[in-house]
Amino acid sequence: MSAYRPAAHLPDGLQRLDLTVPEVMAFRRESAATVFRKIRDGRYRSFKSGDSRLIELASVLADRDACLARGPQLVELTGKRGRPKKVVTAAEAAP
């Protein structure tokens, strides 16, 4: 018996209810580690279908909507990039 393979093109108005991990990675632009972390955290609902893991589309869309509602999560820059300069004290400067 051959493995189930979804149709390459679905008829108009019919949408798949699950996505594979690579599809979620491409859709959300996330790494595999991030996708699996969100599965472990419960933000993505998933199930096994044979040997592949499928993720419910509704949970991916809900997580996307939650991220958009929170807005950008920018980190305040605290200084310059690179190795910090060595601090020279007066005792070290004058031998």
N, C-alpha and C. Protein backbone atom coordinates (compact mmCIF):
# COMPACT_ATOMS: atom_id res chain seq x y z
N MET A 1 0.85 -1.17 0.00
CA MET A 1 0.00 0.00 0.00
C MET A 1 0.89 1.23 0.00
N SER A 2 0.57 2.20 -0.85
CA SER A 2 1.40 3.40 -0.94
C SER A 2 0.98 4.42 0.12
N ALA A 3 1.90 5.30 0.44
CA ALA A 3 1.64 6.33 1.45
C ALA A 3 0.70 7.38 0.87
N TYR A 4 -0.08 8.00 1.75
CA TYR A 4 -0.99 9.06 1.33
C TYR A 4 -0.20 10.26 0.88
N ARG A 5 -0.56 10.80 -0.27
CA ARG A 5 0.05 12.02 -0.77
C ARG A 5 -1.06 12.98 -1.15
N PRO A 6 -1.06 14.18 -0.56
CA PRO A 6 -2.12 15.13 -0.91
C PRO A 6 -1.98 15.59 -2.35
N ALA A 7 -3.08 16.02 -2.92
CA ALA A 7 -3.08 16.50 -4.29
C ALA A 7 -2.18 17.73 -4.41
N ALA A 8 -1.48 17.84 -5.54
CA ALA A 8 -0.61 18.98 -5.74
C ALA A 8 -1.42 20.27 -5.86
N HIS A 9 -2.59 20.18 -6.48
CA HIS A 9 -3.44 21.36 -6.61
C HIS A 9 -4.83 21.01 -6.13
N LEU A 10 -5.28 21.73 -5.13
CA LEU A 10 -6.61 21.49 -4.59
C LEU A 10 -7.63 22.35 -5.32
N PRO A 11 -8.86 21.87 -5.46
CA PRO A 11 -9.89 22.68 -6.12
C PRO A 11 -10.12 23.98 -5.36
N ASP A 12 -10.60 25.00 -6.08
CA ASP A 12 -10.86 26.30 -5.46
C ASP A 12 -11.87 26.16 -4.33
N GLY A 13 -11.64 26.90 -3.25
CA GLY A 13 -12.53 26.86 -2.10
C GLY A 13 -12.21 25.75 -1.12
N LEU A 14 -11.35 24.81 -1.49
CA LEU A 14 -10.98 23.72 -0.59
C LEU A 14 -9.56 23.96 -0.10
N GLN A 15 -9.38 24.00 1.21
CA GLN A 15 -8.08 24.29 1.79
C GLN A 15 -7.68 23.16 2.71
N ARG A 16 -6.40 22.81 2.68
CA ARG A 16 -5.90 21.76 3.58
C ARG A 16 -5.99 22.26 5.01
N LEU A 17 -6.26 21.35 5.93
CA LEU A 17 -6.38 21.71 7.33
C LEU A 17 -5.12 21.42 8.11
N ASP A 18 -4.10 20.86 7.44
CA ASP A 18 -2.84 20.56 8.12
C ASP A 18 -1.68 20.89 7.21
N LEU A 19 -0.53 21.13 7.83
CA LEU A 19 0.70 21.46 7.11
C LEU A 19 1.83 20.59 7.62
N THR A 20 2.81 20.34 6.77
CA THR A 20 4.00 19.63 7.21
C THR A 20 4.95 20.63 7.86
N VAL A 21 5.96 20.13 8.54
CA VAL A 21 6.94 21.01 9.20
C VAL A 21 7.64 21.92 8.19
N PRO A 22 8.12 21.41 7.04
CA PRO A 22 8.74 22.33 6.07
C PRO A 22 7.78 23.39 5.53
N GLU A 23 6.50 23.06 5.40
CA GLU A 23 5.52 24.05 4.94
C GLU A 23 5.33 25.15 5.98
N VAL A 24 5.29 24.77 7.26
CA VAL A 24 5.17 25.77 8.33
C VAL A 24 6.43 26.63 8.38
N MET A 25 7.59 26.01 8.19
CA MET A 25 8.85 26.75 8.19
C MET A 25 8.83 27.81 7.08
N ALA A 26 8.35 27.46 5.91
CA ALA A 26 8.31 28.40 4.80
C ALA A 26 7.24 29.46 5.02
N PHE A 27 6.09 29.06 5.53
CA PHE A 27 4.97 29.99 5.73
C PHE A 27 5.29 31.03 6.78
N ARG A 28 5.88 30.60 7.91
CA ARG A 28 6.17 31.51 9.02
C ARG A 28 7.61 32.03 9.00
N ARG A 29 8.44 31.53 8.11
CA ARG A 29 9.86 31.88 8.04
C ARG A 29 10.54 31.61 9.37
N GLU A 30 10.34 30.39 9.87
CA GLU A 30 10.93 29.96 11.13
C GLU A 30 11.84 28.77 10.88
N SER A 31 12.77 28.57 11.77
CA SER A 31 13.65 27.41 11.66
C SER A 31 12.91 26.18 12.17
N ALA A 32 13.48 25.01 11.86
CA ALA A 32 12.88 23.76 12.33
C ALA A 32 12.87 23.71 13.85
N ALA A 33 13.93 24.23 14.48
CA ALA A 33 14.00 24.23 15.94
C ALA A 33 12.87 25.07 16.53
N THR A 34 12.56 26.21 15.92
CA THR A 34 11.49 27.06 16.41
C THR A 34 10.14 26.38 16.25
N VAL A 35 9.92 25.71 15.11
CA VAL A 35 8.65 25.02 14.88
C VAL A 35 8.46 23.92 15.92
N PHE A 36 9.50 23.12 16.16
CA PHE A 36 9.38 22.03 17.13
C PHE A 36 9.25 22.56 18.56
N ARG A 37 9.88 23.71 18.87
CA ARG A 37 9.72 24.32 20.19
C ARG A 37 8.28 24.77 20.39
N LYS A 38 7.68 25.33 19.36
CA LYS A 38 6.28 25.76 19.46
C LYS A 38 5.34 24.57 19.57
N ILE A 39 5.71 23.45 18.97
CA ILE A 39 4.92 22.22 19.13
C ILE A 39 5.00 21.75 20.58
N ARG A 40 6.23 21.72 21.14
CA ARG A 40 6.41 21.30 22.53
C ARG A 40 5.70 22.22 23.50
N ASP A 41 5.74 23.55 23.23
CA ASP A 41 5.10 24.53 24.10
C ASP A 41 3.59 24.50 24.00
N GLY A 42 3.06 23.88 22.96
CA GLY A 42 1.61 23.79 22.79
C GLY A 42 1.02 24.89 21.95
N ARG A 43 1.85 25.76 21.38
CA ARG A 43 1.31 26.81 20.52
C ARG A 43 0.86 26.25 19.18
N TYR A 44 1.53 25.21 18.69
CA TYR A 44 1.10 24.51 17.48
C TYR A 44 0.55 23.15 17.89
N ARG A 45 -0.64 22.82 17.42
CA ARG A 45 -1.21 21.48 17.65
C ARG A 45 -0.78 20.60 16.48
N SER A 46 -0.26 19.43 16.80
CA SER A 46 0.24 18.55 15.74
C SER A 46 -0.15 17.11 16.02
N PHE A 47 0.00 16.29 15.01
CA PHE A 47 -0.29 14.87 15.13
C PHE A 47 0.56 14.12 14.11
N LYS A 48 0.73 12.83 14.35
CA LYS A 48 1.49 11.99 13.44
C LYS A 48 0.55 11.36 12.43
N SER A 49 0.95 11.37 11.18
CA SER A 49 0.23 10.69 10.11
C SER A 49 1.24 9.79 9.42
N GLY A 50 1.24 8.53 9.81
CA GLY A 50 2.26 7.62 9.28
C GLY A 50 3.60 8.01 9.87
N ASP A 51 4.56 8.33 9.00
CA ASP A 51 5.89 8.73 9.47
C ASP A 51 6.06 10.24 9.55
N SER A 52 5.09 10.99 9.06
CA SER A 52 5.27 12.44 9.03
C SER A 52 4.46 13.12 10.12
N ARG A 53 4.95 14.27 10.57
CA ARG A 53 4.26 15.07 11.57
C ARG A 53 3.51 16.17 10.83
N LEU A 54 2.22 16.29 11.12
CA LEU A 54 1.40 17.32 10.52
C LEU A 54 0.94 18.30 11.59
N ILE A 55 0.89 19.57 11.24
CA ILE A 55 0.53 20.63 12.17
C ILE A 55 -0.77 21.25 11.69
N GLU A 56 -1.69 21.46 12.63
CA GLU A 56 -2.99 22.02 12.27
C GLU A 56 -2.83 23.47 11.80
N LEU A 57 -3.42 23.77 10.66
CA LEU A 57 -3.33 25.11 10.09
C LEU A 57 -3.95 26.15 11.02
N ALA A 58 -5.04 25.80 11.68
CA ALA A 58 -5.70 26.75 12.58
C ALA A 58 -4.78 27.20 13.70
N SER A 59 -3.96 26.29 14.24
CA SER A 59 -3.05 26.68 15.32
C SER A 59 -1.92 27.57 14.80
N VAL A 60 -1.47 27.35 13.57
CA VAL A 60 -0.43 28.20 12.98
C VAL A 60 -0.98 29.60 12.76
N LEU A 61 -2.20 29.69 12.24
CA LEU A 61 -2.81 30.99 12.01
C LEU A 61 -3.10 31.72 13.31
N ALA A 62 -3.50 30.98 14.35
CA ALA A 62 -3.76 31.59 15.66
C ALA A 62 -2.47 32.15 16.25
N ASP A 63 -1.36 31.41 16.11
CA ASP A 63 -0.07 31.90 16.62
C ASP A 63 0.37 33.12 15.84
N ARG A 64 0.16 33.13 14.53
CA ARG A 64 0.52 34.29 13.71
C ARG A 64 -0.30 35.51 14.13
N ASP A 65 -1.60 35.33 14.34
CA ASP A 65 -2.44 36.44 14.77
C ASP A 65 -2.02 36.97 16.14
N ALA A 66 -1.64 36.06 17.05
CA ALA A 66 -1.18 36.48 18.37
C ALA A 66 0.12 37.28 18.27
N CYS A 67 1.02 36.86 17.40
CA CYS A 67 2.28 37.58 17.22
C CYS A 67 2.04 38.96 16.61
N LEU A 68 1.11 39.03 15.66
CA LEU A 68 0.80 40.32 15.05
C LEU A 68 0.13 41.26 16.05
N ALA A 69 -0.69 40.71 16.94
CA ALA A 69 -1.37 41.53 17.95
C ALA A 69 -0.38 42.10 18.97
N ARG A 70 0.67 41.33 19.29
CA ARG A 70 1.69 41.81 20.25
C ARG A 70 2.52 42.92 19.65
N GLY A 71 2.67 42.94 18.35
CA GLY A 71 3.49 43.96 17.69
C GLY A 71 4.95 43.55 17.67
N PRO A 72 5.80 44.42 17.14
CA PRO A 72 7.23 44.08 17.05
C PRO A 72 7.86 43.98 18.43
N GLN A 73 8.68 42.98 18.61
CA GLN A 73 9.38 42.76 19.87
C GLN A 73 10.85 43.13 19.66
N LEU A 74 11.12 44.42 19.67
CA LEU A 74 12.47 44.91 19.40
C LEU A 74 13.25 45.00 20.71
N VAL A 75 14.54 44.73 20.62
CA VAL A 75 15.42 44.77 21.79
C VAL A 75 16.21 46.07 21.73
N GLU A 76 16.29 46.75 22.86
CA GLU A 76 17.05 47.99 22.95
C GLU A 76 18.54 47.68 22.84
N LEU A 77 19.23 48.40 21.95
CA LEU A 77 20.66 48.20 21.81
C LEU A 77 21.36 48.83 23.01
N THR A 78 22.29 48.09 23.59
CA THR A 78 22.96 48.58 24.81
C THR A 78 24.37 49.08 24.56
N GLY A 79 24.90 48.91 23.39
CA GLY A 79 26.26 49.38 23.15
C GLY A 79 26.73 48.98 21.77
N LYS A 80 28.01 49.02 21.59
CA LYS A 80 28.60 48.69 20.30
C LYS A 80 28.76 47.19 20.17
N ARG A 81 28.79 46.74 18.93
CA ARG A 81 29.03 45.33 18.68
C ARG A 81 30.50 45.01 18.85
N GLY A 82 30.79 43.74 19.13
CA GLY A 82 32.18 43.31 19.20
C GLY A 82 32.68 43.16 20.62
N ARG A 83 33.97 42.94 20.70
CA ARG A 83 34.60 42.72 22.00
C ARG A 83 34.70 44.04 22.75
N PRO A 84 34.38 44.04 24.04
CA PRO A 84 34.48 45.29 24.81
C PRO A 84 35.94 45.71 24.98
N LYS A 85 36.15 47.01 25.05
CA LYS A 85 37.50 47.55 25.23
C LYS A 85 37.99 47.26 26.64
N LYS A 86 39.28 47.03 26.76
CA LYS A 86 39.88 46.79 28.06
C LYS A 86 39.97 48.11 28.81
N VAL A 87 39.52 48.09 30.06
CA VAL A 87 39.56 49.30 30.89
C VAL A 87 40.94 49.39 31.52
N VAL A 88 41.60 50.54 31.28
CA VAL A 88 42.95 50.75 31.82
C VAL A 88 42.83 51.71 32.99
N THR A 89 43.36 51.29 34.14
CA THR A 89 43.33 52.13 35.32
C THR A 89 44.58 53.00 35.36
N ALA A 90 44.60 54.00 36.22
CA ALA A 90 45.75 54.91 36.33
C ALA A 90 47.00 54.16 36.80
N ALA A 91 46.84 53.17 37.67
CA ALA A 91 47.99 52.43 38.19
C ALA A 91 48.63 51.59 37.08
N GLU A 92 47.83 51.07 36.18
CA GLU A 92 48.38 50.26 35.08
C GLU A 92 48.99 51.13 34.01
N ALA A 93 48.50 52.36 33.82
CA ALA A 93 48.96 53.26 32.76
C ALA A 93 50.35 53.82 33.09
N ALA A 94 50.65 54.11 34.36
CA ALA A 94 51.93 54.70 34.75
C ALA A 94 52.77 53.64 35.44
N PRO A 95 53.78 53.10 34.76
CA PRO A 95 54.62 52.08 35.42
C PRO A 95 55.65 52.65 36.34
